Amino acid sequence: MELRYRETCRLTPIELQQCGQELVAYRQQLRTATTRGGYEAAESSLCLASDAVLSNNVTAAVKATATKSLKYLVVVGIGGSNLGTKAIYDAISGGFDVLEPRRFPKLLFADTVDPEWLQRLGRLMETEVKRSSEVVVNIISKSGSNTEPVANFEILYRHLSRRFPDAAHRLVVTTDEGSKLWQLAVTLGLRRLPIPKSVGGRYSVLSAVGLFPLAAAGYNIKALRGGAAAMLERCLAQRLEDNPAMLSACILYQQRQRGFLIHDTFVFHPELESLGKWYRQLMGESIGKEQDVGGKTVNAGMFPTVSVGSTDLHSVGQLYLGGPKAVVTTFVTTAKSASVKIPSKLALAGLVSGIAGKTAVGVMDAILSGVKIAYGKRGLPFMEVILDDVSERSLGEFMQFKMMEMMYLGKLMNVNAFDQPNVEAYKVETRRILGR
């Protein structure tokens, strides 16, 4: 993975170095947390990629559930319990499910209580699942008491238990050890995977939350973890120029100080849209805070948005280029992609010049280059993240990079990047209404 920023971030090297100096002590704190190991520190999600016990637990659960006939693994979760898994799945194959209907196993995500979707999911279970070995249900809830996953699980389990006497053996529960959900799973004899208590949902993709469903569906979690571990070392580097997470955090912080309150992740591969949505939660929950670490009301944050190239150039491109100068952008592309060639002899000759015989990659590269030139002429700050490819290793690198970027950014903004006190507000009101 490469981070490009020097000519486009609209900041001087001195400004970046001064900002980086503010993170020297915190970088060492992160280094200490990873060296010490364990899950005591708030930043201990950095230890997940090298946790051998976690790896063994996931491997055992996969061997017990991922049969050769597995067709559907249903992830029942919301927010951090499914966004990271969905980001990886969609990037590698889920984004192409409509084009590959007979490719199995597939991951399905029951991530909100939408009655129409749940009805169709139930119909799919009734018509397409002939044996219990063809399905696994993984309910994921860190607290174990979120309304949406529990409601969805009850509906889905009803469908399966009516048809399969051994349905309970096709269930995997992922939650905090000791939560009410964990205790119920123990009582019911269900298979369980723990989430370290200090690891929040938005930082949990490298825990059993993401590793089990991905491994059960056949994805290379060893490569995912290897990419994350390699990026961890890069993002602990002393020199700012060698540390992409610190650099990106400094650029975002400095641009926020200048009034750029929107951070747009502009992916130039449609299959990476869910990756952008995963990052949207990461940024929204990590630095969107009413109070700073000292209890002062600051109403801090940046508004994370997601754009998809080249599609959204025809929906919000006009706004970005002609509207308020409030957006700092991170373009996300890859160095390698499939090779598809446009015919030299065009059926629609004369409509568009310059495309005959070109590759689709070449056309997309020309569009991206045009966008960057237009942004530069408008004085809009941006960075580029160039992935080696769309693979488990590259996605592990990117996600670790972004999680560490958010830790550094939270430190610069003097907010707690690991709590989410205001999210509980809607949950309290929801429980009150349902309890009437």
Protein backbone atom coordinates (compact mmCIF):
# COMPACT_ATOMS: atom_id res chain seq x y z
CA MET A 1 0.00 0.00 0.00
CA GLU A 2 1.24 3.46 -0.89
CA LEU A 3 0.09 6.82 0.48
CA ARG A 4 0.60 9.79 -1.84
CA TYR A 5 0.12 13.26 -0.42
CA ARG A 6 3.11 15.56 -0.97
CA GLU A 7 1.88 17.55 -3.95
CA THR A 8 -1.83 17.42 -3.15
CA CYS A 9 -2.45 17.74 0.61
CA ARG A 10 -2.02 21.54 0.51
CA LEU A 11 0.25 21.49 3.56
CA THR A 12 3.95 22.29 3.87
CA PRO A 13 6.48 19.76 5.20
CA ILE A 14 7.06 22.05 8.19
CA GLU A 15 3.35 22.06 9.05
CA LEU A 16 3.26 18.28 8.87
CA GLN A 17 6.40 17.86 10.95
CA GLN A 18 5.09 20.18 13.66
CA CYS A 19 1.86 18.20 13.82
CA GLY A 20 3.78 14.93 13.89
CA GLN A 21 5.77 16.12 16.90
CA GLU A 22 2.53 16.21 18.88
CA LEU A 23 2.18 12.45 18.36
CA VAL A 24 5.68 11.32 19.37
CA ALA A 25 4.70 10.29 22.89
CA TYR A 26 1.48 8.62 21.75
CA ARG A 27 3.29 6.64 19.07
CA GLN A 28 5.52 5.24 21.80
CA GLN A 29 2.42 4.45 23.86
CA LEU A 30 1.05 2.42 20.97
CA ARG A 31 4.38 0.64 20.61
CA THR A 32 4.30 -0.24 24.30
CA ALA A 33 0.75 -1.58 24.04
CA THR A 34 1.71 -3.92 21.21
CA THR A 35 4.93 -5.05 22.91
CA ARG A 36 3.18 -5.78 26.18
CA GLY A 37 0.39 -7.71 24.49
CA GLY A 38 -2.86 -8.62 26.18
CA TYR A 39 -6.04 -6.59 26.16
CA GLU A 40 -5.70 -4.09 28.99
CA ALA A 41 -5.15 -0.92 26.96
CA ALA A 42 -7.83 0.89 25.00
CA GLU A 43 -5.60 0.46 21.94
CA SER A 44 -5.26 -3.29 22.41
CA SER A 45 -7.05 -4.08 19.15
CA LEU A 46 -3.51 -3.69 17.77
CA CYS A 47 -2.70 -7.06 19.35
CA LEU A 48 -5.39 -8.98 17.44
CA ALA A 49 -3.35 -9.73 14.31
CA SER A 50 -0.76 -11.68 16.33
CA ASP A 51 -3.06 -13.40 18.85
CA ALA A 52 -2.42 -17.15 18.54
CA VAL A 53 -5.21 -18.13 20.95
CA LEU A 54 -7.71 -16.17 18.87
CA SER A 55 -6.48 -17.93 15.74
CA ASN A 56 -6.85 -21.35 17.34
CA ASN A 57 -10.37 -20.61 18.59
CA VAL A 58 -11.48 -19.47 15.15
CA THR A 59 -9.90 -22.47 13.45
CA ALA A 60 -11.70 -24.87 15.80
CA ALA A 61 -15.06 -23.18 15.19
CA VAL A 62 -14.54 -23.27 11.43
CA LYS A 63 -13.67 -26.99 11.48
CA ALA A 64 -16.83 -27.69 13.47
CA THR A 65 -19.22 -25.75 11.22
CA ALA A 66 -17.83 -25.10 7.72
CA THR A 67 -18.99 -28.23 5.92
CA LYS A 68 -18.24 -28.93 2.25
CA SER A 69 -21.94 -28.38 1.52
CA LEU A 70 -22.11 -24.97 3.21
CA LYS A 71 -24.07 -22.53 1.03
CA TYR A 72 -25.03 -19.64 3.30
CA LEU A 73 -23.40 -18.12 6.36
CA VAL A 74 -25.72 -15.52 7.86
CA VAL A 75 -24.00 -12.81 9.91
CA VAL A 76 -26.55 -11.43 12.37
CA GLY A 77 -25.11 -8.18 13.66
CA ILE A 78 -25.13 -4.44 13.20
CA GLY A 79 -22.49 -1.70 13.03
CA GLY A 80 -19.05 -2.90 14.02
CA SER A 81 -20.37 -6.44 14.29
CA ASN A 82 -20.72 -6.77 10.54
CA LEU A 83 -19.38 -3.75 8.61
CA GLY A 84 -15.76 -4.93 8.55
CA THR A 85 -16.68 -8.44 7.47
CA LYS A 86 -18.98 -7.10 4.77
CA ALA A 87 -16.29 -4.74 3.54
CA ILE A 88 -13.87 -7.61 2.95
CA TYR A 89 -16.49 -9.95 1.53
CA ASP A 90 -17.90 -7.37 -0.89
CA ALA A 91 -14.43 -6.30 -2.01
CA ILE A 92 -13.31 -9.81 -2.92
CA SER A 93 -16.48 -11.46 -4.15
CA GLY A 94 -19.73 -10.25 -2.58
CA GLY A 95 -19.84 -7.23 -4.86
CA PHE A 96 -20.17 -9.67 -7.75
CA ASP A 97 -22.79 -12.01 -6.23
CA VAL A 98 -25.45 -10.92 -8.70
CA LEU A 99 -23.12 -12.01 -11.53
CA GLU A 100 -22.14 -15.28 -9.86
CA PRO A 101 -25.36 -16.72 -8.41
CA ARG A 102 -24.00 -20.28 -8.16
CA ARG A 103 -20.81 -19.40 -6.29
CA PHE A 104 -20.92 -20.71 -2.72
CA PRO A 105 -20.63 -20.25 0.17
CA LYS A 106 -22.16 -16.80 0.32
CA LEU A 107 -22.27 -14.43 3.26
CA LEU A 108 -25.60 -12.81 4.05
CA PHE A 109 -25.87 -9.89 6.48
CA ALA A 110 -28.96 -9.51 8.68
CA ASP A 111 -27.98 -6.05 9.84
CA THR A 112 -31.27 -4.26 10.43
CA VAL A 113 -34.87 -5.11 11.20
CA ASP A 114 -36.29 -4.57 7.73
CA PRO A 115 -39.46 -6.69 7.43
CA GLU A 116 -39.31 -7.10 3.65
CA TRP A 117 -35.69 -8.27 3.71
CA LEU A 118 -36.36 -10.63 6.62
CA GLN A 119 -39.35 -12.10 4.83
CA ARG A 120 -37.26 -12.80 1.73
CA LEU A 121 -34.43 -14.20 3.82
CA GLY A 122 -36.90 -16.60 5.42
CA ARG A 123 -38.14 -17.62 1.98
CA LEU A 124 -34.56 -18.28 0.90
CA MET A 125 -33.96 -20.47 3.94
CA GLU A 126 -37.15 -22.40 3.21
CA THR A 127 -36.53 -22.98 -0.50
CA GLU A 128 -32.76 -23.10 -0.96
CA VAL A 129 -31.49 -24.71 2.25
CA LYS A 130 -32.24 -28.43 2.06
CA ARG A 131 -29.98 -29.64 4.88
CA SER A 132 -28.77 -28.04 8.08
CA SER A 133 -25.16 -28.47 6.90
CA GLU A 134 -25.85 -25.89 4.19
CA VAL A 135 -26.23 -22.99 6.63
CA VAL A 136 -24.45 -21.40 9.58
CA VAL A 137 -25.87 -18.53 11.63
CA ASN A 138 -23.37 -16.32 13.44
CA ILE A 139 -25.00 -13.88 15.86
CA ILE A 140 -22.56 -11.13 16.81
CA SER A 141 -23.20 -8.57 19.52
CA LYS A 142 -20.48 -7.16 21.73
CA SER A 143 -22.86 -6.13 24.49
CA GLY A 144 -25.19 -9.03 23.78
CA SER A 145 -28.26 -6.85 24.17
CA ASN A 146 -28.67 -4.87 20.94
CA THR A 147 -32.27 -4.92 19.76
CA GLU A 148 -31.68 -5.49 16.04
CA PRO A 149 -29.48 -8.62 16.08
CA VAL A 150 -31.50 -10.32 18.81
CA ALA A 151 -34.78 -9.72 16.95
CA ASN A 152 -33.29 -10.93 13.65
CA PHE A 153 -31.78 -14.00 15.27
CA GLU A 154 -35.11 -15.02 16.79
CA ILE A 155 -36.85 -14.78 13.40
CA LEU A 156 -34.12 -16.68 11.58
CA TYR A 157 -33.74 -19.38 14.22
CA ARG A 158 -37.48 -20.01 14.13
CA HIS A 159 -37.23 -20.80 10.41
CA LEU A 160 -34.37 -23.22 10.91
CA SER A 161 -35.48 -24.96 14.11
CA ARG A 162 -38.84 -25.84 12.57
CA ARG A 163 -37.10 -27.84 9.85
CA PHE A 164 -33.86 -29.11 11.37
CA PRO A 165 -33.69 -30.88 14.75
CA ASP A 166 -29.95 -30.09 14.95
CA ALA A 167 -30.34 -26.38 14.14
CA ALA A 168 -28.65 -25.37 17.40
CA HIS A 169 -25.43 -26.99 16.19
CA ARG A 170 -25.38 -24.60 13.23
CA LEU A 171 -25.23 -21.55 15.49
CA VAL A 172 -22.14 -19.60 16.56
CA VAL A 173 -22.37 -16.83 19.16
CA THR A 174 -19.72 -14.07 19.15
CA THR A 175 -19.89 -11.69 22.11
CA ASP A 176 -18.09 -10.42 25.19
CA GLU A 177 -17.30 -13.28 27.51
CA GLY A 178 -19.66 -12.88 30.45
CA SER A 179 -22.33 -10.85 28.63
CA LYS A 180 -25.96 -11.93 28.99
CA LEU A 181 -25.80 -13.37 25.48
CA TRP A 182 -22.70 -15.39 26.42
CA GLN A 183 -24.40 -16.70 29.55
CA LEU A 184 -27.49 -17.74 27.58
CA ALA A 185 -25.29 -19.45 25.00
CA VAL A 186 -23.61 -21.42 27.79
CA THR A 187 -27.01 -22.46 29.16
CA LEU A 188 -28.23 -23.53 25.70
CA GLY A 189 -24.98 -25.29 24.84
CA LEU A 190 -24.23 -23.09 21.83
CA ARG A 191 -20.77 -22.66 20.29
CA ARG A 192 -19.15 -19.41 21.47
CA LEU A 193 -16.34 -17.09 20.40
CA PRO A 194 -15.21 -14.26 22.71
CA ILE A 195 -14.55 -10.62 21.85
CA PRO A 196 -11.91 -8.99 24.10
CA LYS A 197 -13.73 -6.52 26.33
CA SER A 198 -11.35 -3.67 25.53
CA VAL A 199 -11.88 -4.04 21.76
CA GLY A 200 -14.77 -1.90 20.53
CA GLY A 201 -16.96 -2.98 17.64
CA ARG A 202 -15.47 -0.61 15.08
CA TYR A 203 -11.97 -1.94 15.86
CA SER A 204 -12.99 -5.61 15.94
CA VAL A 205 -12.70 -6.81 12.33
CA LEU A 206 -9.46 -8.70 13.13
CA SER A 207 -11.09 -10.45 16.10
CA ALA A 208 -13.45 -13.43 15.88
CA VAL A 209 -16.08 -10.91 14.73
CA GLY A 210 -14.54 -10.84 11.27
CA LEU A 211 -12.20 -13.81 11.23
CA PHE A 212 -14.75 -16.57 11.86
CA PRO A 213 -17.32 -15.77 9.15
CA LEU A 214 -14.60 -14.98 6.61
CA ALA A 215 -12.64 -18.15 7.34
CA ALA A 216 -15.77 -20.28 7.31
CA ALA A 217 -16.62 -18.86 3.89
CA GLY A 218 -13.17 -19.76 2.56
CA TYR A 219 -11.29 -16.47 2.71
CA ASN A 220 -7.59 -16.30 3.58
CA ILE A 221 -7.54 -14.86 7.08
CA LYS A 222 -3.84 -15.67 7.44
CA ALA A 223 -3.13 -13.19 4.63
CA LEU A 224 -5.58 -10.69 6.15
CA ARG A 225 -3.80 -10.82 9.49
CA GLY A 226 -0.38 -10.78 7.83
CA GLY A 227 -1.24 -7.58 5.98
CA ALA A 228 -2.48 -6.00 9.20
CA ALA A 229 0.65 -7.04 11.12
CA ALA A 230 2.94 -5.60 8.43
CA MET A 231 1.03 -2.31 8.40
CA LEU A 232 1.14 -2.15 12.19
CA GLU A 233 4.92 -1.93 12.02
CA ARG A 234 4.78 0.76 9.35
CA CYS A 235 2.37 2.82 11.43
CA LEU A 236 4.65 2.65 14.46
CA ALA A 237 7.64 4.06 12.55
CA GLN A 238 9.43 6.99 14.18
CA ARG A 239 9.90 9.07 11.03
CA LEU A 240 6.69 10.77 10.00
CA GLU A 241 7.51 10.18 6.32
CA ASP A 242 7.55 6.41 6.96
CA ASN A 243 4.35 6.32 9.02
CA PRO A 244 1.22 6.49 6.80
CA ALA A 245 -1.27 6.53 9.70
CA MET A 246 0.41 9.48 11.41
CA LEU A 247 0.73 11.33 8.11
CA SER A 248 -2.90 10.86 7.18
CA ALA A 249 -4.06 11.84 10.67
CA CYS A 250 -1.95 15.01 10.55
CA ILE A 251 -3.30 15.96 7.14
CA LEU A 252 -6.91 15.44 8.24
CA TYR A 253 -6.36 17.33 11.48
CA GLN A 254 -4.67 20.30 9.81
CA GLN A 255 -7.33 20.53 7.12
CA ARG A 256 -10.06 20.34 9.75
CA GLN A 257 -8.43 23.28 11.50
CA ARG A 258 -8.74 25.16 8.20
CA GLY A 259 -12.47 24.47 7.94
CA PHE A 260 -12.51 21.26 5.89
CA LEU A 261 -15.06 19.41 8.03
CA ILE A 262 -15.98 16.67 5.51
CA HIS A 263 -13.73 13.72 4.73
CA ASP A 264 -14.72 11.89 1.57
CA THR A 265 -13.40 8.40 0.89
CA PHE A 266 -13.58 8.22 -2.90
CA VAL A 267 -13.10 4.60 -4.00
CA PHE A 268 -12.45 3.93 -7.67
CA HIS A 269 -13.66 0.34 -7.53
CA PRO A 270 -17.40 -0.20 -6.88
CA GLU A 271 -16.64 -3.35 -4.90
CA LEU A 272 -14.86 -1.18 -2.31
CA GLU A 273 -17.98 0.81 -1.42
CA SER A 274 -18.58 -1.27 1.71
CA LEU A 275 -14.96 -0.62 2.71
CA GLY A 276 -15.79 3.08 2.59
CA LYS A 277 -18.86 2.47 4.74
CA TRP A 278 -16.77 0.57 7.28
CA TYR A 279 -14.45 3.57 7.50
CA ARG A 280 -17.45 5.88 7.77
CA GLN A 281 -18.42 4.21 11.05
CA LEU A 282 -14.82 4.16 12.23
CA MET A 283 -14.44 7.91 11.80
CA GLY A 284 -17.96 8.84 12.87
CA GLU A 285 -17.87 6.97 16.17
CA SER A 286 -14.21 7.57 16.98
CA ILE A 287 -13.95 11.35 16.72
CA GLY A 288 -17.56 12.51 16.67
CA LYS A 289 -17.72 13.48 20.33
CA GLU A 290 -19.75 15.90 22.40
CA GLN A 291 -16.97 16.25 24.97
CA ASP A 292 -13.18 16.07 24.92
CA VAL A 293 -11.17 13.87 27.28
CA GLY A 294 -11.31 16.56 29.94
CA GLY A 295 -15.10 16.75 29.92
CA LYS A 296 -15.30 20.05 28.04
CA THR A 297 -18.16 20.35 25.53
CA VAL A 298 -16.53 20.62 22.11
CA ASN A 299 -18.94 18.89 19.66
CA ALA A 300 -15.95 17.59 17.73
CA GLY A 301 -15.81 15.58 14.55
CA MET A 302 -15.48 15.34 10.80
CA PHE A 303 -18.33 14.18 8.59
CA PRO A 304 -17.28 10.99 6.76
CA THR A 305 -18.78 10.42 3.32
CA VAL A 306 -18.28 7.72 0.69
CA SER A 307 -18.12 8.24 -3.07
CA VAL A 308 -17.72 5.64 -5.81
CA GLY A 309 -15.81 6.37 -9.01
CA SER A 310 -16.65 6.93 -11.64
CA THR A 311 -20.38 6.67 -10.87
CA ASP A 312 -20.58 9.49 -8.33
CA LEU A 313 -18.77 11.94 -10.56
CA HIS A 314 -22.19 12.16 -12.21
CA SER A 315 -24.05 12.68 -8.92
CA VAL A 316 -21.91 14.72 -6.51
CA GLY A 317 -18.97 15.69 -8.71
CA GLN A 318 -20.58 19.04 -9.42
CA LEU A 319 -20.94 19.69 -5.69
CA TYR A 320 -17.35 18.75 -4.91
CA LEU A 321 -15.91 20.91 -7.68
CA GLY A 322 -18.36 23.80 -7.62
CA GLY A 323 -19.73 23.84 -4.08
CA PRO A 324 -18.25 24.96 -0.74
CA LYS A 325 -14.58 24.19 -0.16
CA ALA A 326 -15.25 21.97 2.82
CA VAL A 327 -14.16 18.51 1.64
CA VAL A 328 -10.78 16.82 2.05
CA THR A 329 -10.65 13.65 -0.05
CA THR A 330 -8.85 10.32 0.09
CA PHE A 331 -8.90 8.57 -3.28
CA VAL A 332 -8.59 4.78 -3.01
CA THR A 333 -7.38 2.83 -6.05
CA THR A 334 -5.39 -0.29 -6.85
CA ALA A 335 -2.17 -0.89 -8.75
CA LYS A 336 -3.50 -4.08 -10.37
CA SER A 337 -6.85 -4.88 -11.89
CA ALA A 338 -8.48 -7.20 -14.41
CA SER A 339 -7.63 -6.57 -18.05
CA VAL A 340 -10.67 -5.95 -20.24
CA LYS A 341 -10.22 -4.40 -23.66
CA ILE A 342 -12.59 -2.19 -25.61
CA PRO A 343 -12.89 -3.38 -29.26
CA SER A 344 -10.81 -1.57 -31.86
CA LYS A 345 -13.82 -1.53 -34.17
CA LEU A 346 -16.62 0.28 -32.37
CA ALA A 347 -20.32 -0.42 -32.88
CA LEU A 348 -21.05 3.17 -31.78
CA ALA A 349 -18.28 4.77 -33.79
CA GLY A 350 -18.05 8.53 -33.68
CA LEU A 351 -19.74 9.07 -30.31
CA VAL A 352 -16.70 9.08 -28.01
CA SER A 353 -13.18 9.60 -29.25
CA GLY A 354 -10.06 7.94 -27.89
CA ILE A 355 -11.52 4.72 -26.45
CA ALA A 356 -11.09 2.30 -29.37
CA GLY A 357 -8.63 -0.44 -28.46
CA LYS A 358 -8.05 0.94 -24.95
CA THR A 359 -8.38 -1.17 -21.83
CA ALA A 360 -11.07 -0.49 -19.24
CA VAL A 361 -8.25 0.14 -16.76
CA GLY A 362 -6.81 2.76 -19.09
CA VAL A 363 -10.14 4.54 -19.38
CA MET A 364 -10.66 4.51 -15.61
CA ASP A 365 -7.10 5.78 -15.06
CA ALA A 366 -7.76 8.64 -17.48
CA ILE A 367 -10.94 9.54 -15.58
CA LEU A 368 -9.13 9.48 -12.24
CA SER A 369 -6.28 11.59 -13.63
CA GLY A 370 -8.81 14.10 -14.91
CA VAL A 371 -10.49 14.24 -11.52
CA LYS A 372 -7.20 14.87 -9.72
CA ILE A 373 -6.25 17.64 -12.13
CA ALA A 374 -9.67 19.26 -11.65
CA TYR A 375 -9.34 19.01 -7.85
CA GLY A 376 -5.87 20.54 -8.03
CA LYS A 377 -7.07 23.48 -10.09
CA ARG A 378 -9.84 24.12 -7.56
CA GLY A 379 -7.39 24.02 -4.65
CA LEU A 380 -9.10 21.01 -3.05
CA PRO A 381 -6.82 18.97 -0.76
CA PHE A 382 -6.58 15.24 -1.30
CA MET A 383 -4.53 12.13 -0.64
CA GLU A 384 -4.25 8.91 -2.60
CA VAL A 385 -4.15 5.41 -1.16
CA ILE A 386 -2.98 2.89 -3.73
CA LEU A 387 -3.54 -0.74 -2.79
CA ASP A 388 -1.38 -3.41 -4.38
CA ASP A 389 -4.56 -5.26 -5.36
CA VAL A 390 -7.93 -6.20 -3.93
CA SER A 391 -6.93 -9.16 -1.77
CA GLU A 392 -7.12 -10.22 1.84
CA ARG A 393 -3.58 -9.00 2.50
CA SER A 394 -4.15 -5.58 0.95
CA LEU A 395 -7.45 -5.15 2.79
CA GLY A 396 -5.76 -6.10 6.07
CA GLU A 397 -3.14 -3.44 5.41
CA PHE A 398 -5.74 -0.79 4.62
CA MET A 399 -7.95 -1.51 7.62
CA GLN A 400 -5.07 -1.54 10.08
CA PHE A 401 -3.80 1.72 8.56
CA LYS A 402 -7.20 3.36 9.00
CA MET A 403 -7.74 2.10 12.54
CA MET A 404 -4.37 3.52 13.58
CA GLU A 405 -5.04 6.74 11.67
CA MET A 406 -8.13 7.18 13.82
CA MET A 407 -6.21 6.58 17.05
CA TYR A 408 -3.69 9.26 16.09
CA LEU A 409 -6.43 11.65 14.95
CA GLY A 410 -8.35 11.20 18.21
CA LYS A 411 -5.18 12.09 20.12
CA LEU A 412 -4.66 15.24 18.04
CA MET A 413 -8.28 16.28 18.61
CA ASN A 414 -8.10 15.46 22.35
CA VAL A 415 -11.11 13.13 22.23
CA ASN A 416 -11.56 9.52 23.30
CA ALA A 417 -11.37 7.52 20.06
CA PHE A 418 -12.62 4.34 21.76
CA ASP A 419 -15.92 5.15 23.45
CA GLN A 420 -19.36 5.97 22.00
CA PRO A 421 -21.42 7.48 24.80
CA ASN A 422 -24.07 9.08 22.60
CA VAL A 423 -24.93 5.91 20.66
CA GLU A 424 -26.62 4.57 23.77
CA ALA A 425 -29.20 7.38 23.67
CA TYR A 426 -31.30 5.86 20.88
CA LYS A 427 -30.99 2.37 22.39
CA VAL A 428 -32.42 3.56 25.71
CA GLU A 429 -35.39 5.20 23.99
CA THR A 430 -35.96 2.15 21.77
CA ARG A 431 -36.11 -0.18 24.77
CA ARG A 432 -38.45 2.22 26.54
CA ILE A 433 -40.86 2.30 23.56
CA LEU A 434 -40.80 -1.48 23.05
CA GLY A 435 -41.35 -2.03 26.75
CA ARG A 436 -44.59 -0.08 26.88
